[in-house]
Amino acid sequence: MIGPSGGGKTTVSRLAARFWDATKGRITFGGEDISTIDPEALLNYYSIVFQDVTLFNNTIKENIRIGRKDATDEEVMNAARLANCDEFISRLPDGYDTVIGENGAKLSGGERQRISIARAFLKDAPVILLDEATASLDAENETLIRQSLSRLIKNKTVMIIAHRMRTIAGADKIVVIKDGKSDEQGAPEELKRQNGFYQKMLSLQTKE
């Protein structure tokens, strides 16, 4: 999903995960109306990687283990490797047992985001929600995280919210959300031919 700021993209992801309930229409998961599914049960089917990562004043190992509470240390470390976390964890004084401070205060934005992706690997849910997961990162961190995400989303159903066109270049279907409504939708090549918002943003970002 793409669209201007304030258009409703993030609202769609929150509704899909049933953080909020829709007041009109209905959202289905596997053909079942999600309003009939217990929110905690529904979240078992989702791995969520949002721009704002919530971390706790605990070790890196335990912050990743939130993805699946019964995971072994070996499983936690494997998830960390898949998310490109091992590179920065190896430099920390206590490695995986390093306490990272409230909301990961001792880590950079890119490091915090990679922990969030490691959680998603550990959970291994069938549906991935990505909301601006690379929006505020420098080029080096964005490259690392894009590598991690490409592994994470393989063989999954994925909902991506993004401003950068390259983030959604490989999508099967793109929906442009403007003023809370679907303004355009289709495969990337279809939207190029429509010459609307998608093509305009693609042209602007290609020039950058």
N, C-alpha and C. Protein backbone atom coordinates (compact mmCIF):
# COMPACT_ATOMS: atom_id res chain seq x y z
N MET A 1 0.84 -1.19 0.00
CA MET A 1 0.00 0.00 0.00
C MET A 1 0.88 1.24 0.00
N ILE A 2 0.49 2.19 -0.81
CA ILE A 2 1.17 3.48 -0.82
C ILE A 2 0.10 4.57 -0.78
N GLY A 3 0.55 5.81 -0.62
CA GLY A 3 -0.37 6.94 -0.62
C GLY A 3 0.21 8.08 0.18
N PRO A 4 -0.43 9.24 0.10
CA PRO A 4 0.07 10.41 0.84
C PRO A 4 -0.05 10.23 2.34
N SER A 5 0.76 10.97 3.10
CA SER A 5 0.68 10.92 4.56
C SER A 5 -0.72 11.31 5.01
N GLY A 6 -1.24 10.56 5.99
CA GLY A 6 -2.57 10.85 6.50
C GLY A 6 -3.70 10.28 5.66
N GLY A 7 -3.33 9.51 4.63
CA GLY A 7 -4.36 8.98 3.73
C GLY A 7 -5.11 7.77 4.27
N GLY A 8 -4.52 7.10 5.28
CA GLY A 8 -5.21 5.96 5.88
C GLY A 8 -4.48 4.63 5.78
N LYS A 9 -3.22 4.65 5.32
CA LYS A 9 -2.49 3.39 5.12
C LYS A 9 -2.29 2.64 6.43
N THR A 10 -1.81 3.34 7.44
CA THR A 10 -1.56 2.69 8.73
C THR A 10 -2.86 2.21 9.35
N THR A 11 -3.93 2.96 9.17
CA THR A 11 -5.23 2.55 9.69
C THR A 11 -5.62 1.19 9.13
N VAL A 12 -5.36 0.97 7.85
CA VAL A 12 -5.69 -0.31 7.22
C VAL A 12 -4.94 -1.46 7.90
N SER A 13 -3.65 -1.27 8.19
CA SER A 13 -2.87 -2.34 8.83
C SER A 13 -3.38 -2.61 10.24
N ARG A 14 -3.76 -1.57 10.97
CA ARG A 14 -4.28 -1.74 12.33
C ARG A 14 -5.62 -2.45 12.31
N LEU A 15 -6.44 -2.15 11.32
CA LEU A 15 -7.73 -2.83 11.18
C LEU A 15 -7.53 -4.30 10.82
N ALA A 16 -6.54 -4.57 9.94
CA ALA A 16 -6.28 -5.96 9.53
C ALA A 16 -5.88 -6.83 10.71
N ALA A 17 -5.11 -6.24 11.64
CA ALA A 17 -4.65 -6.97 12.82
C ALA A 17 -5.65 -6.91 13.97
N ARG A 18 -6.75 -6.22 13.75
CA ARG A 18 -7.81 -6.02 14.74
C ARG A 18 -7.33 -5.30 15.99
N PHE A 19 -6.38 -4.36 15.79
CA PHE A 19 -6.07 -3.45 16.88
C PHE A 19 -7.27 -2.55 17.11
N TRP A 20 -7.96 -2.24 16.02
CA TRP A 20 -9.24 -1.52 16.05
C TRP A 20 -10.26 -2.36 15.29
N ASP A 21 -11.54 -2.16 15.59
CA ASP A 21 -12.59 -2.84 14.83
C ASP A 21 -13.18 -1.89 13.81
N ALA A 22 -13.46 -2.41 12.63
CA ALA A 22 -14.07 -1.61 11.57
C ALA A 22 -15.50 -1.25 11.96
N THR A 23 -15.92 -0.04 11.64
CA THR A 23 -17.29 0.40 11.93
C THR A 23 -18.20 0.21 10.72
N LYS A 24 -17.60 0.00 9.55
CA LYS A 24 -18.38 -0.28 8.34
C LYS A 24 -17.68 -1.39 7.55
N GLY A 25 -18.46 -2.14 6.79
CA GLY A 25 -17.89 -3.20 5.98
C GLY A 25 -17.36 -4.33 6.85
N ARG A 26 -16.58 -5.21 6.26
CA ARG A 26 -15.99 -6.30 7.03
C ARG A 26 -14.65 -6.71 6.45
N ILE A 27 -13.81 -7.26 7.30
CA ILE A 27 -12.49 -7.74 6.92
C ILE A 27 -12.48 -9.24 7.18
N THR A 28 -12.03 -10.00 6.20
CA THR A 28 -12.01 -11.46 6.37
C THR A 28 -10.59 -12.00 6.37
N PHE A 29 -10.41 -13.09 7.09
CA PHE A 29 -9.14 -13.82 7.12
C PHE A 29 -9.48 -15.27 6.83
N GLY A 30 -8.99 -15.76 5.69
CA GLY A 30 -9.33 -17.12 5.29
C GLY A 30 -10.83 -17.31 5.12
N GLY A 31 -11.51 -16.23 4.71
CA GLY A 31 -12.95 -16.30 4.50
C GLY A 31 -13.80 -16.04 5.73
N GLU A 32 -13.15 -15.91 6.90
CA GLU A 32 -13.87 -15.68 8.15
C GLU A 32 -13.77 -14.22 8.57
N ASP A 33 -14.90 -13.65 8.96
CA ASP A 33 -14.95 -12.26 9.42
C ASP A 33 -14.09 -12.15 10.68
N ILE A 34 -13.08 -11.26 10.67
CA ILE A 34 -12.16 -11.19 11.81
C ILE A 34 -12.83 -10.66 13.08
N SER A 35 -13.99 -10.01 12.93
CA SER A 35 -14.69 -9.52 14.13
C SER A 35 -15.21 -10.68 14.97
N THR A 36 -15.24 -11.89 14.40
CA THR A 36 -15.69 -13.07 15.13
C THR A 36 -14.52 -13.86 15.71
N ILE A 37 -13.29 -13.41 15.43
CA ILE A 37 -12.09 -14.11 15.91
C ILE A 37 -11.52 -13.36 17.10
N ASP A 38 -11.19 -14.09 18.16
CA ASP A 38 -10.56 -13.46 19.33
C ASP A 38 -9.28 -12.75 18.89
N PRO A 39 -9.08 -11.49 19.31
CA PRO A 39 -7.91 -10.72 18.86
C PRO A 39 -6.58 -11.43 19.13
N GLU A 40 -6.44 -12.07 20.29
CA GLU A 40 -5.18 -12.77 20.58
C GLU A 40 -4.98 -13.96 19.65
N ALA A 41 -6.06 -14.67 19.36
CA ALA A 41 -5.97 -15.81 18.44
C ALA A 41 -5.61 -15.32 17.04
N LEU A 42 -6.20 -14.19 16.63
CA LEU A 42 -5.91 -13.63 15.31
C LEU A 42 -4.44 -13.26 15.18
N LEU A 43 -3.89 -12.67 16.23
CA LEU A 43 -2.50 -12.22 16.17
C LEU A 43 -1.50 -13.37 16.07
N ASN A 44 -1.94 -14.58 16.38
CA ASN A 44 -1.07 -15.74 16.19
C ASN A 44 -0.71 -15.93 14.72
N TYR A 45 -1.56 -15.43 13.84
CA TYR A 45 -1.35 -15.59 12.39
C TYR A 45 -0.50 -14.49 11.79
N TYR A 46 -0.16 -13.45 12.59
CA TYR A 46 0.55 -12.29 12.06
C TYR A 46 1.93 -12.14 12.71
N SER A 47 2.91 -11.80 11.89
CA SER A 47 4.16 -11.22 12.39
C SER A 47 4.14 -9.76 11.97
N ILE A 48 4.48 -8.87 12.89
CA ILE A 48 4.31 -7.43 12.66
C ILE A 48 5.66 -6.73 12.80
N VAL A 49 6.03 -5.98 11.77
CA VAL A 49 7.25 -5.17 11.80
C VAL A 49 6.85 -3.74 11.44
N PHE A 50 6.72 -2.91 12.46
CA PHE A 50 6.34 -1.52 12.26
C PHE A 50 7.56 -0.62 12.42
N GLN A 51 7.42 0.63 11.99
CA GLN A 51 8.52 1.58 12.10
C GLN A 51 8.90 1.83 13.56
N ASP A 52 7.90 1.92 14.42
CA ASP A 52 8.15 2.15 15.84
C ASP A 52 8.23 0.81 16.56
N VAL A 53 9.43 0.44 16.97
CA VAL A 53 9.67 -0.86 17.59
C VAL A 53 9.56 -0.73 19.10
N THR A 54 8.84 -1.64 19.75
CA THR A 54 8.75 -1.66 21.20
C THR A 54 9.73 -2.69 21.75
N LEU A 55 10.70 -2.21 22.52
CA LEU A 55 11.68 -3.09 23.15
C LEU A 55 11.62 -2.88 24.66
N PHE A 56 12.18 -3.84 25.39
CA PHE A 56 12.08 -3.82 26.84
C PHE A 56 13.48 -3.81 27.47
N ASN A 57 13.55 -3.32 28.70
CA ASN A 57 14.82 -3.22 29.42
C ASN A 57 15.23 -4.60 29.90
N ASN A 58 15.65 -5.41 28.92
CA ASN A 58 16.02 -6.79 29.17
C ASN A 58 17.15 -7.13 28.21
N THR A 59 17.55 -8.38 28.16
CA THR A 59 18.62 -8.78 27.25
C THR A 59 18.12 -8.82 25.81
N ILE A 60 19.06 -8.77 24.89
CA ILE A 60 18.71 -8.93 23.48
C ILE A 60 18.02 -10.27 23.25
N LYS A 61 18.55 -11.31 23.88
CA LYS A 61 17.99 -12.65 23.71
C LYS A 61 16.51 -12.67 24.09
N GLU A 62 16.18 -12.08 25.24
CA GLU A 62 14.79 -12.11 25.71
C GLU A 62 13.90 -11.17 24.89
N ASN A 63 14.46 -10.10 24.36
CA ASN A 63 13.67 -9.22 23.50
C ASN A 63 13.30 -9.93 22.19
N ILE A 64 14.19 -10.73 21.67
CA ILE A 64 13.88 -11.50 20.46
C ILE A 64 12.90 -12.62 20.79
N ARG A 65 13.05 -13.25 21.95
CA ARG A 65 12.22 -14.39 22.33
C ARG A 65 10.74 -14.02 22.48
N ILE A 66 10.44 -12.74 22.55
CA ILE A 66 9.04 -12.30 22.58
C ILE A 66 8.29 -12.83 21.35
N GLY A 67 9.02 -13.04 20.25
CA GLY A 67 8.40 -13.58 19.05
C GLY A 67 7.78 -14.95 19.28
N ARG A 68 8.41 -15.76 20.14
CA ARG A 68 7.86 -17.08 20.51
C ARG A 68 8.45 -17.47 21.85
N LYS A 69 7.64 -17.40 22.89
CA LYS A 69 8.12 -17.51 24.26
C LYS A 69 8.83 -18.83 24.56
N ASP A 70 8.43 -19.92 23.86
CA ASP A 70 9.03 -21.21 24.18
C ASP A 70 10.24 -21.55 23.31
N ALA A 71 10.74 -20.56 22.57
CA ALA A 71 11.89 -20.80 21.68
C ALA A 71 13.15 -21.10 22.48
N THR A 72 13.98 -22.00 21.95
CA THR A 72 15.27 -22.30 22.57
C THR A 72 16.26 -21.18 22.26
N ASP A 73 17.36 -21.16 23.00
CA ASP A 73 18.41 -20.16 22.72
C ASP A 73 18.92 -20.31 21.29
N GLU A 74 19.07 -21.55 20.85
CA GLU A 74 19.56 -21.80 19.49
C GLU A 74 18.60 -21.22 18.44
N GLU A 75 17.30 -21.39 18.67
CA GLU A 75 16.30 -20.85 17.75
C GLU A 75 16.33 -19.31 17.75
N VAL A 76 16.51 -18.72 18.92
CA VAL A 76 16.61 -17.26 19.03
C VAL A 76 17.81 -16.76 18.23
N MET A 77 18.95 -17.42 18.38
CA MET A 77 20.17 -16.98 17.70
C MET A 77 20.09 -17.20 16.19
N ASN A 78 19.41 -18.24 15.78
CA ASN A 78 19.22 -18.47 14.34
C ASN A 78 18.35 -17.37 13.74
N ALA A 79 17.29 -16.98 14.46
CA ALA A 79 16.43 -15.88 14.00
C ALA A 79 17.23 -14.59 13.90
N ALA A 80 18.11 -14.36 14.87
CA ALA A 80 18.96 -13.16 14.88
C ALA A 80 19.88 -13.15 13.67
N ARG A 81 20.44 -14.30 13.32
CA ARG A 81 21.33 -14.37 12.15
C ARG A 81 20.55 -14.06 10.87
N LEU A 82 19.35 -14.60 10.74
CA LEU A 82 18.53 -14.36 9.55
C LEU A 82 18.19 -12.87 9.41
N ALA A 83 18.08 -12.18 10.56
CA ALA A 83 17.74 -10.76 10.56
C ALA A 83 18.96 -9.85 10.56
N ASN A 84 20.14 -10.43 10.32
CA ASN A 84 21.39 -9.66 10.30
C ASN A 84 21.69 -8.97 11.63
N CYS A 85 21.28 -9.60 12.74
CA CYS A 85 21.56 -9.04 14.06
C CYS A 85 22.93 -9.46 14.60
N ASP A 86 23.42 -10.63 14.18
CA ASP A 86 24.62 -11.17 14.79
C ASP A 86 25.83 -10.26 14.61
N GLU A 87 25.80 -9.47 13.52
CA GLU A 87 26.92 -8.55 13.23
C GLU A 87 27.09 -7.52 14.35
N PHE A 88 26.00 -6.91 14.83
CA PHE A 88 26.15 -5.90 15.89
C PHE A 88 26.14 -6.55 17.28
N ILE A 89 25.45 -7.67 17.43
CA ILE A 89 25.42 -8.34 18.74
C ILE A 89 26.82 -8.81 19.13
N SER A 90 27.61 -9.25 18.16
CA SER A 90 28.97 -9.74 18.45
C SER A 90 29.87 -8.65 19.01
N ARG A 91 29.51 -7.38 18.78
CA ARG A 91 30.34 -6.27 19.27
C ARG A 91 29.94 -5.81 20.67
N LEU A 92 28.80 -6.29 21.16
CA LEU A 92 28.30 -5.85 22.47
C LEU A 92 29.04 -6.57 23.59
N PRO A 93 29.19 -5.92 24.75
CA PRO A 93 30.01 -6.49 25.83
C PRO A 93 29.57 -7.88 26.29
N ASP A 94 28.27 -8.12 26.35
CA ASP A 94 27.77 -9.42 26.81
C ASP A 94 27.00 -10.17 25.72
N GLY A 95 27.23 -9.79 24.47
CA GLY A 95 26.59 -10.48 23.36
C GLY A 95 25.07 -10.52 23.50
N TYR A 96 24.52 -11.71 23.36
CA TYR A 96 23.06 -11.87 23.44
C TYR A 96 22.52 -11.58 24.84
N ASP A 97 23.38 -11.57 25.84
CA ASP A 97 22.95 -11.31 27.23
C ASP A 97 23.11 -9.84 27.60
N THR A 98 23.39 -8.98 26.63
CA THR A 98 23.50 -7.54 26.89
C THR A 98 22.12 -6.96 27.16
N VAL A 99 21.99 -6.23 28.27
CA VAL A 99 20.73 -5.54 28.58
C VAL A 99 20.72 -4.23 27.80
N ILE A 100 19.65 -3.99 27.05
CA ILE A 100 19.66 -2.90 26.06
C ILE A 100 19.00 -1.60 26.52
N GLY A 101 18.51 -1.55 27.77
CA GLY A 101 17.91 -0.31 28.26
C GLY A 101 16.45 -0.18 27.86
N GLU A 102 15.80 0.78 28.47
CA GLU A 102 14.36 0.98 28.21
C GLU A 102 14.14 1.31 26.74
N ASN A 103 13.28 0.52 26.11
CA ASN A 103 12.96 0.66 24.69
C ASN A 103 14.21 0.63 23.80
N GLY A 104 15.21 -0.13 24.24
CA GLY A 104 16.41 -0.31 23.42
C GLY A 104 17.26 0.93 23.32
N ALA A 105 17.33 1.70 24.40
CA ALA A 105 18.03 2.98 24.37
C ALA A 105 19.50 2.86 23.99
N LYS A 106 20.11 1.70 24.23
CA LYS A 106 21.53 1.51 23.93
C LYS A 106 21.79 1.11 22.48
N LEU A 107 20.72 0.97 21.69
CA LEU A 107 20.87 0.51 20.31
C LEU A 107 20.50 1.62 19.33
N SER A 108 21.01 1.51 18.10
CA SER A 108 20.64 2.45 17.05
C SER A 108 19.27 2.07 16.48
N GLY A 109 18.71 2.96 15.67
CA GLY A 109 17.42 2.68 15.05
C GLY A 109 17.45 1.43 14.19
N GLY A 110 18.52 1.26 13.41
CA GLY A 110 18.64 0.08 12.56
C GLY A 110 18.78 -1.20 13.35
N GLU A 111 19.50 -1.14 14.47
CA GLU A 111 19.66 -2.32 15.32
C GLU A 111 18.35 -2.71 15.97
N ARG A 112 17.59 -1.71 16.41
CA ARG A 112 16.28 -1.98 17.02
C ARG A 112 15.35 -2.61 15.99
N GLN A 113 15.39 -2.10 14.76
CA GLN A 113 14.52 -2.63 13.72
C GLN A 113 14.88 -4.08 13.39
N ARG A 114 16.17 -4.39 13.41
CA ARG A 114 16.59 -5.76 13.11
C ARG A 114 16.15 -6.74 14.20
N ILE A 115 16.10 -6.28 15.44
CA ILE A 115 15.56 -7.13 16.50
C ILE A 115 14.08 -7.42 16.25
N SER A 116 13.36 -6.41 15.81
CA SER A 116 11.94 -6.59 15.48
C SER A 116 11.77 -7.64 14.38
N ILE A 117 12.66 -7.61 13.38
CA ILE A 117 12.59 -8.58 12.28
C ILE A 117 12.97 -9.98 12.79
N ALA A 118 13.94 -10.05 13.70
CA ALA A 118 14.31 -11.35 14.30
C ALA A 118 13.12 -11.96 15.03
N ARG A 119 12.36 -11.15 15.73
CA ARG A 119 11.14 -11.64 16.39
C ARG A 119 10.19 -12.26 15.37
N ALA A 120 10.05 -11.59 14.23
CA ALA A 120 9.15 -12.07 13.19
C ALA A 120 9.64 -13.40 12.61
N PHE A 121 10.95 -13.54 12.42
CA PHE A 121 11.50 -14.81 11.97
C PHE A 121 11.20 -15.92 12.97
N LEU A 122 11.36 -15.59 14.25
CA LEU A 122 11.15 -16.58 15.30
C LEU A 122 9.69 -17.03 15.36
N LYS A 123 8.79 -16.09 15.19
CA LYS A 123 7.35 -16.40 15.23
C LYS A 123 6.93 -17.23 14.03
N ASP A 124 7.47 -16.90 12.85
CA ASP A 124 7.20 -17.65 11.62
C ASP A 124 5.71 -17.74 11.32
N ALA A 125 5.01 -16.62 11.43
CA ALA A 125 3.57 -16.58 11.15
C ALA A 125 3.34 -16.53 9.64
N PRO A 126 2.15 -16.96 9.18
CA PRO A 126 1.89 -17.01 7.73
C PRO A 126 1.66 -15.65 7.09
N VAL A 127 1.33 -14.63 7.90
CA VAL A 127 1.04 -13.29 7.35
C VAL A 127 1.99 -12.28 7.98
N ILE A 128 2.59 -11.44 7.15
CA ILE A 128 3.54 -10.42 7.61
C ILE A 128 2.94 -9.04 7.36
N LEU A 129 2.92 -8.19 8.39
CA LEU A 129 2.52 -6.79 8.24
C LEU A 129 3.76 -5.92 8.38
N LEU A 130 4.09 -5.17 7.34
CA LEU A 130 5.25 -4.28 7.36
C LEU A 130 4.77 -2.85 7.17
N ASP A 131 4.96 -2.01 8.17
CA ASP A 131 4.52 -0.62 8.08
C ASP A 131 5.73 0.30 8.16
N GLU A 132 6.15 0.80 7.01
CA GLU A 132 7.27 1.75 6.93
C GLU A 132 8.50 1.23 7.66
N ALA A 133 8.80 -0.05 7.46
CA ALA A 133 9.88 -0.69 8.23
C ALA A 133 11.26 -0.12 7.95
N THR A 134 11.45 0.56 6.81
CA THR A 134 12.77 1.13 6.49
C THR A 134 12.73 2.65 6.35
N ALA A 135 11.65 3.27 6.78
CA ALA A 135 11.41 4.68 6.46
C ALA A 135 12.45 5.65 7.02
N SER A 136 12.93 5.41 8.24
CA SER A 136 13.79 6.40 8.89
C SER A 136 15.25 5.94 9.01
N LEU A 137 15.67 5.03 8.13
CA LEU A 137 17.01 4.45 8.25
C LEU A 137 17.97 5.04 7.24
N ASP A 138 19.27 5.00 7.60
CA ASP A 138 20.29 5.43 6.64
C ASP A 138 20.47 4.33 5.59
N ALA A 139 21.24 4.63 4.56
CA ALA A 139 21.35 3.72 3.41
C ALA A 139 21.92 2.36 3.80
N GLU A 140 22.93 2.35 4.69
CA GLU A 140 23.55 1.08 5.08
C GLU A 140 22.57 0.18 5.82
N ASN A 141 21.86 0.78 6.81
CA ASN A 141 20.90 -0.01 7.57
C ASN A 141 19.73 -0.43 6.70
N GLU A 142 19.31 0.44 5.79
CA GLU A 142 18.20 0.08 4.91
C GLU A 142 18.56 -1.14 4.06
N THR A 143 19.79 -1.17 3.56
CA THR A 143 20.24 -2.31 2.75
C THR A 143 20.21 -3.60 3.56
N LEU A 144 20.72 -3.56 4.79
CA LEU A 144 20.73 -4.75 5.64
C LEU A 144 19.31 -5.22 5.94
N ILE A 145 18.43 -4.26 6.22
CA ILE A 145 17.07 -4.63 6.60
C ILE A 145 16.29 -5.12 5.39
N ARG A 146 16.54 -4.56 4.23
CA ARG A 146 15.88 -5.06 3.01
C ARG A 146 16.32 -6.50 2.73
N GLN A 147 17.59 -6.81 2.99
CA GLN A 147 18.06 -8.19 2.83
C GLN A 147 17.32 -9.13 3.80
N SER A 148 17.17 -8.68 5.05
CA SER A 148 16.47 -9.49 6.04
C SER A 148 15.01 -9.68 5.67
N LEU A 149 14.37 -8.60 5.23
CA LEU A 149 12.95 -8.67 4.89
C LEU A 149 12.70 -9.57 3.69
N SER A 150 13.63 -9.56 2.73
CA SER A 150 13.44 -10.42 1.56
C SER A 150 13.44 -11.89 1.96
N ARG A 151 14.22 -12.24 2.99
CA ARG A 151 14.20 -13.61 3.50
C ARG A 151 12.93 -13.87 4.31
N LEU A 152 12.52 -12.88 5.10
CA LEU A 152 11.37 -13.03 5.99
C LEU A 152 10.07 -13.29 5.22
N ILE A 153 9.86 -12.58 4.12
CA ILE A 153 8.57 -12.63 3.43
C ILE A 153 8.44 -13.77 2.43
N LYS A 154 9.51 -14.55 2.26
CA LYS A 154 9.46 -15.65 1.29
C LYS A 154 8.35 -16.64 1.67
N ASN A 155 7.49 -16.94 0.69
CA ASN A 155 6.38 -17.89 0.86
C ASN A 155 5.36 -17.44 1.91
N LYS A 156 5.25 -16.13 2.14
CA LYS A 156 4.27 -15.59 3.09
C LYS A 156 3.27 -14.68 2.36
N THR A 157 2.14 -14.44 3.02
CA THR A 157 1.24 -13.37 2.58
C THR A 157 1.72 -12.09 3.25
N VAL A 158 1.94 -11.05 2.48
CA VAL A 158 2.58 -9.84 3.01
C VAL A 158 1.76 -8.59 2.68
N MET A 159 1.54 -7.76 3.70
CA MET A 159 0.96 -6.44 3.50
C MET A 159 2.05 -5.41 3.82
N ILE A 160 2.47 -4.66 2.82
CA ILE A 160 3.55 -3.69 2.98
C ILE A 160 2.99 -2.28 2.84
N ILE A 161 3.31 -1.43 3.81
CA ILE A 161 2.99 0.00 3.71
C ILE A 161 4.31 0.73 3.53
N ALA A 162 4.40 1.54 2.49
CA ALA A 162 5.69 2.16 2.18
C ALA A 162 5.52 3.49 1.47
N HIS A 163 6.54 4.34 1.61
CA HIS A 163 6.64 5.58 0.82
C HIS A 163 7.61 5.39 -0.33
N ARG A 164 8.60 4.52 -0.14
CA ARG A 164 9.63 4.34 -1.15
C ARG A 164 9.17 3.29 -2.16
N MET A 165 9.16 3.68 -3.42
CA MET A 165 8.63 2.80 -4.46
C MET A 165 9.43 1.51 -4.59
N ARG A 166 10.74 1.56 -4.32
CA ARG A 166 11.55 0.34 -4.48
C ARG A 166 11.17 -0.72 -3.44
N THR A 167 10.57 -0.28 -2.32
CA THR A 167 10.16 -1.23 -1.30
C THR A 167 9.06 -2.14 -1.79
N ILE A 168 8.21 -1.64 -2.70
CA ILE A 168 7.06 -2.42 -3.16
C ILE A 168 7.19 -2.84 -4.61
N ALA A 169 8.39 -2.72 -5.17
CA ALA A 169 8.58 -2.99 -6.61
C ALA A 169 8.19 -4.42 -6.98
N GLY A 170 8.37 -5.37 -6.07
CA GLY A 170 8.07 -6.76 -6.39
C GLY A 170 6.69 -7.22 -5.97
N ALA A 171 5.82 -6.28 -5.58
CA ALA A 171 4.48 -6.65 -5.09
C ALA A 171 3.62 -7.22 -6.21
N ASP A 172 2.76 -8.17 -5.85
CA ASP A 172 1.80 -8.71 -6.82
C ASP A 172 0.67 -7.71 -7.08
N LYS A 173 0.29 -6.97 -6.04
CA LYS A 173 -0.78 -5.99 -6.17
C LYS A 173 -0.47 -4.79 -5.31
N ILE A 174 -0.69 -3.60 -5.85
CA ILE A 174 -0.47 -2.35 -5.12
C ILE A 174 -1.80 -1.63 -4.99
N VAL A 175 -2.07 -1.13 -3.79
CA VAL A 175 -3.27 -0.32 -3.54
C VAL A 175 -2.82 1.06 -3.12
N VAL A 176 -3.32 2.07 -3.81
CA VAL A 176 -3.04 3.47 -3.46
C VAL A 176 -4.19 3.96 -2.58
N ILE A 177 -3.87 4.35 -1.35
CA ILE A 177 -4.88 4.83 -0.40
C ILE A 177 -4.81 6.35 -0.32
N LYS A 178 -5.91 7.01 -0.64
CA LYS A 178 -6.00 8.47 -0.53
C LYS A 178 -7.32 8.82 0.13
N ASP A 179 -7.24 9.70 1.14
CA ASP A 179 -8.45 10.15 1.85
C ASP A 179 -9.27 8.98 2.37
N GLY A 180 -8.57 7.94 2.85
CA GLY A 180 -9.26 6.81 3.46
C GLY A 180 -9.90 5.85 2.48
N LYS A 181 -9.63 6.02 1.20
CA LYS A 181 -10.25 5.16 0.19
C LYS A 181 -9.21 4.63 -0.79
N SER A 182 -9.55 3.53 -1.46
CA SER A 182 -8.69 2.98 -2.51
C SER A 182 -8.83 3.84 -3.75
N ASP A 183 -7.73 4.47 -4.15
CA ASP A 183 -7.76 5.38 -5.30
C ASP A 183 -7.29 4.69 -6.58
N GLU A 184 -6.33 3.76 -6.44
CA GLU A 184 -5.85 2.96 -7.56
C GLU A 184 -5.49 1.59 -7.00
N GLN A 185 -5.61 0.56 -7.82
CA GLN A 185 -5.10 -0.74 -7.42
C GLN A 185 -4.83 -1.61 -8.63
N GLY A 186 -3.79 -2.44 -8.48
CA GLY A 186 -3.41 -3.32 -9.57
C GLY A 186 -1.95 -3.69 -9.46
N ALA A 187 -1.48 -4.48 -10.42
CA ALA A 187 -0.06 -4.83 -10.48
C ALA A 187 0.75 -3.59 -10.87
N PRO A 188 2.06 -3.55 -10.52
CA PRO A 188 2.87 -2.37 -10.83
C PRO A 188 2.78 -1.93 -12.28
N GLU A 189 2.83 -2.85 -13.22
CA GLU A 189 2.78 -2.47 -14.64
C GLU A 189 1.44 -1.86 -15.01
N GLU A 190 0.35 -2.36 -14.41
CA GLU A 190 -0.97 -1.79 -14.67
C GLU A 190 -1.03 -0.34 -14.19
N LEU A 191 -0.50 -0.10 -12.99
CA LEU A 191 -0.56 1.26 -12.42
C LEU A 191 0.31 2.23 -13.20
N LYS A 192 1.41 1.74 -13.76
CA LYS A 192 2.22 2.61 -14.61
C LYS A 192 1.40 3.11 -15.79
N ARG A 193 0.61 2.22 -16.38
CA ARG A 193 -0.20 2.59 -17.54
C ARG A 193 -1.33 3.54 -17.17
N GLN A 194 -1.81 3.46 -15.93
CA GLN A 194 -2.90 4.35 -15.50
C GLN A 194 -2.42 5.79 -15.34
N ASN A 195 -1.08 5.93 -15.15
CA ASN A 195 -0.48 7.27 -15.08
C ASN A 195 -1.09 8.14 -13.98
N GLY A 196 -1.34 7.52 -12.82
CA GLY A 196 -1.91 8.25 -11.69
C GLY A 196 -0.88 8.51 -10.61
N PHE A 197 -1.31 8.40 -9.33
CA PHE A 197 -0.45 8.70 -8.19
C PHE A 197 0.79 7.80 -8.18
N TYR A 198 0.59 6.51 -8.43
CA TYR A 198 1.73 5.57 -8.39
C TYR A 198 2.80 5.98 -9.40
N GLN A 199 2.39 6.25 -10.63
CA GLN A 199 3.36 6.61 -11.66
C GLN A 199 4.04 7.94 -11.33
N LYS A 200 3.29 8.86 -10.75
CA LYS A 200 3.86 10.15 -10.37
C LYS A 200 4.95 9.96 -9.31
N MET A 201 4.65 9.16 -8.27
CA MET A 201 5.63 8.93 -7.22
C MET A 201 6.84 8.15 -7.75
N LEU A 202 6.59 7.21 -8.64
CA LEU A 202 7.68 6.44 -9.23
C LEU A 202 8.62 7.35 -10.01
N SER A 203 8.06 8.26 -10.77
CA SER A 203 8.86 9.19 -11.56
C SER A 203 9.68 10.13 -10.67
N LEU A 204 9.05 10.64 -9.61
CA LEU A 204 9.74 11.56 -8.70
C LEU A 204 10.90 10.86 -8.01
N GLN A 205 10.68 9.63 -7.54
CA GLN A 205 11.73 8.94 -6.77
C GLN A 205 12.82 8.39 -7.68
N THR A 206 12.51 8.13 -8.93
CA THR A 206 13.53 7.69 -9.88
C THR A 206 14.52 8.81 -10.19
N LYS A 207 14.03 10.07 -10.12
CA LYS A 207 14.88 11.23 -10.39
C LYS A 207 15.82 11.56 -9.22
N GLU A 208 15.44 11.08 -8.01
CA GLU A 208 16.22 11.46 -6.81
C GLU A 208 17.63 10.90 -6.84
